[in-house]
Amino acid sequence: MPTVATNIPQRRTLHFDTINQILADIDQLEIAKQQGKLRSLGNWSPGQNLGHLASWIDYSYDGVPFRVPFIARIVLRPMKKMFLYKPMRPGARIPKVPGGTAGIDEIPFEEGLDRFRKNLARLKSDPPSGPHAVFGPLTHEEWIAQHLRHAELHLSFLCADP
């Protein structure tokens, strides 16, 4: 019978209703980092997670760095509410995109944190003007909801050791 490692903590369960809640969470992660207690439960480093989240906010304004196939837009568009208001599933990959997603460069924690904070401030005050690559036009609230769900997923992999 295979053994199960019981000393590996589960991902955190997160739900954000506002950008300010994300900011409060990353403030706590910064403290954990300063104390040498921050770790990642997944395959990406803390800086990589934060940089990825920052990159996807950038893509909301500048467009994604790959072409979304027409068939994917047709298939996924009816699932818009689910993507905006239900938790994102870990391990999802974008077909035909190297690494399964974009914005996954390894960067130092502090750089990822600074970029993510800056981009959250921009998202909070300035709605993206272009359409979403899959869902088309979104309201400011819908853009924020999409990034809240994304942050819930990736920040759930970061925790502070006791």
Protein backbone atom coordinates (compact mmCIF):
# COMPACT_ATOMS: atom_id res chain seq x y z
CA MET A 1 0.00 0.00 0.00
CA PRO A 2 1.46 3.45 -0.94
CA THR A 3 2.21 5.88 1.85
CA VAL A 4 0.66 9.32 1.94
CA ALA A 5 2.68 12.31 3.09
CA THR A 6 0.58 13.94 5.81
CA ASN A 7 3.01 16.71 6.70
CA ILE A 8 2.45 18.63 3.44
CA PRO A 9 -0.01 21.45 4.09
CA GLN A 10 -2.99 21.95 1.82
CA ARG A 11 -3.30 25.06 -0.30
CA ARG A 12 -4.98 27.97 1.41
CA THR A 13 -8.67 28.47 0.67
CA LEU A 14 -9.07 32.07 -0.45
CA HIS A 15 -11.99 34.17 -1.58
CA PHE A 16 -11.57 37.83 -2.49
CA ASP A 17 -14.45 40.25 -2.94
CA THR A 18 -12.25 43.31 -3.46
CA ILE A 19 -8.82 44.32 -4.63
CA ASN A 20 -8.15 45.64 -1.12
CA GLN A 21 -8.50 42.08 0.20
CA ILE A 22 -5.81 40.92 -2.23
CA LEU A 23 -3.58 43.79 -1.11
CA ALA A 24 -4.04 42.80 2.54
CA ASP A 25 -3.15 39.21 1.72
CA ILE A 26 0.02 40.10 -0.16
CA ASP A 27 1.01 42.42 2.70
CA GLN A 28 0.94 39.34 4.95
CA LEU A 29 2.93 37.34 2.41
CA GLU A 30 5.52 40.13 2.34
CA ILE A 31 5.86 39.94 6.13
CA ALA A 32 6.26 36.17 5.93
CA LYS A 33 8.98 36.63 3.28
CA GLN A 34 10.83 39.15 5.47
CA GLN A 35 10.69 36.66 8.35
CA GLY A 36 11.97 33.84 6.14
CA LYS A 37 8.70 31.93 6.50
CA LEU A 38 7.19 32.23 3.02
CA ARG A 39 7.03 29.16 0.84
CA SER A 40 5.25 27.91 -2.22
CA LEU A 41 3.22 24.72 -2.14
CA GLY A 42 3.17 24.45 -5.92
CA ASN A 43 5.62 24.31 -8.80
CA TRP A 44 6.21 28.05 -9.04
CA SER A 45 8.20 30.33 -6.76
CA PRO A 46 6.43 33.16 -4.90
CA GLY A 47 7.97 35.72 -7.30
CA GLN A 48 6.83 33.72 -10.31
CA ASN A 49 3.24 33.55 -8.97
CA LEU A 50 3.14 37.30 -8.32
CA GLY A 51 4.74 38.13 -11.67
CA HIS A 52 2.23 35.90 -13.45
CA LEU A 53 -0.70 37.68 -11.80
CA ALA A 54 0.82 41.07 -12.66
CA SER A 55 1.38 39.98 -16.27
CA TRP A 56 -2.24 38.93 -16.74
CA ILE A 57 -3.42 42.32 -15.50
CA ASP A 58 -1.11 43.87 -18.11
CA TYR A 59 -2.68 41.62 -20.76
CA SER A 60 -6.09 43.07 -19.85
CA TYR A 61 -4.84 46.41 -21.16
CA ASP A 62 -2.36 45.35 -23.84
CA GLY A 63 -3.84 42.08 -25.12
CA VAL A 64 -2.64 38.51 -24.58
CA PRO A 65 0.68 37.55 -26.20
CA PHE A 66 -0.86 34.70 -28.22
CA ARG A 67 -3.83 34.19 -30.50
CA VAL A 68 -6.88 32.59 -28.91
CA PRO A 69 -8.36 30.12 -31.43
CA PHE A 70 -11.82 31.01 -32.71
CA ILE A 71 -13.21 27.65 -31.62
CA ALA A 72 -11.96 28.23 -28.05
CA ARG A 73 -13.76 31.57 -27.93
CA ILE A 74 -16.98 29.95 -29.17
CA VAL A 75 -16.77 27.04 -26.72
CA LEU A 76 -15.75 29.12 -23.66
CA ARG A 77 -17.85 32.25 -24.15
CA PRO A 78 -21.03 30.67 -22.65
CA MET A 79 -18.97 29.84 -19.53
CA LYS A 80 -18.20 33.50 -18.82
CA LYS A 81 -20.11 33.69 -15.50
CA MET A 82 -18.39 30.54 -14.25
CA PHE A 83 -14.94 31.96 -15.05
CA LEU A 84 -15.76 35.27 -13.39
CA TYR A 85 -17.51 34.08 -10.24
CA LYS A 86 -16.45 30.48 -9.48
CA PRO A 87 -13.03 29.37 -8.21
CA MET A 88 -10.43 28.65 -10.87
CA ARG A 89 -9.17 25.10 -11.10
CA PRO A 90 -5.46 24.46 -10.54
CA GLY A 91 -3.47 22.82 -13.28
CA ALA A 92 -5.43 24.23 -16.23
CA ARG A 93 -3.30 24.81 -19.30
CA ILE A 94 -3.88 26.87 -22.41
CA PRO A 95 -3.49 24.56 -25.43
CA LYS A 96 -0.60 25.29 -27.81
CA VAL A 97 0.93 27.89 -25.45
CA PRO A 98 4.45 26.95 -24.32
CA GLY A 99 4.35 26.23 -20.58
CA GLY A 100 0.55 26.18 -20.71
CA THR A 101 0.21 29.89 -19.95
CA ALA A 102 2.00 33.22 -20.31
CA GLY A 103 3.82 35.45 -17.87
CA ILE A 104 5.66 32.67 -16.05
CA ASP A 105 9.18 34.07 -16.02
CA GLU A 106 11.11 33.46 -12.82
CA ILE A 107 11.53 36.81 -11.07
CA PRO A 108 12.51 37.85 -7.55
CA PHE A 109 9.70 38.06 -5.00
CA GLU A 110 10.13 41.81 -4.50
CA GLU A 111 9.88 42.52 -8.23
CA GLY A 112 6.73 40.39 -8.58
CA LEU A 113 5.22 42.02 -5.50
CA ASP A 114 5.92 45.56 -6.76
CA ARG A 115 4.52 44.81 -10.24
CA PHE A 116 1.42 43.13 -8.82
CA ARG A 117 0.69 46.02 -6.42
CA LYS A 118 1.17 48.59 -9.20
CA ASN A 119 -1.09 46.67 -11.57
CA LEU A 120 -3.78 46.15 -8.92
CA ALA A 121 -3.84 49.92 -8.33
CA ARG A 122 -4.23 50.49 -12.07
CA LEU A 123 -7.00 47.87 -12.32
CA LYS A 124 -8.81 49.43 -9.37
CA SER A 125 -8.89 52.92 -10.88
CA ASP A 126 -8.71 52.45 -14.65
CA PRO A 127 -10.84 49.82 -16.41
CA PRO A 128 -9.34 48.05 -19.42
CA SER A 129 -10.84 49.47 -22.59
CA GLY A 130 -10.41 46.57 -24.99
CA PRO A 131 -12.29 43.29 -25.10
CA HIS A 132 -11.32 40.18 -23.17
CA ALA A 133 -9.49 37.69 -25.41
CA VAL A 134 -12.19 35.04 -24.86
CA PHE A 135 -15.28 36.73 -23.43
CA GLY A 136 -15.33 39.95 -25.43
CA PRO A 137 -16.39 43.22 -23.79
CA LEU A 138 -16.41 43.19 -19.98
CA THR A 139 -17.53 45.77 -17.46
CA HIS A 140 -14.98 47.13 -15.00
CA GLU A 141 -16.54 44.96 -12.29
CA GLU A 142 -16.22 41.87 -14.51
CA TRP A 143 -12.54 42.60 -15.24
CA ILE A 144 -11.94 42.91 -11.50
CA ALA A 145 -13.87 39.69 -10.77
CA GLN A 146 -11.73 37.80 -13.27
CA HIS A 147 -8.54 38.99 -11.59
CA LEU A 148 -9.93 38.28 -8.11
CA ARG A 149 -10.50 34.63 -9.13
CA HIS A 150 -7.05 34.41 -10.68
CA ALA A 151 -5.42 35.81 -7.52
CA GLU A 152 -7.38 33.36 -5.34
CA LEU A 153 -5.90 30.48 -7.30
CA HIS A 154 -2.27 31.57 -7.41
CA LEU A 155 -2.02 33.10 -3.93
CA SER A 156 -3.54 29.92 -2.47
CA PHE A 157 -0.21 28.21 -3.24
CA LEU A 158 1.75 30.67 -1.08
CA CYS A 159 1.82 30.23 2.69
CA ALA A 160 3.76 31.22 5.77
CA ASP A 161 5.43 28.51 7.82
CA PRO A 162 4.48 28.66 11.49
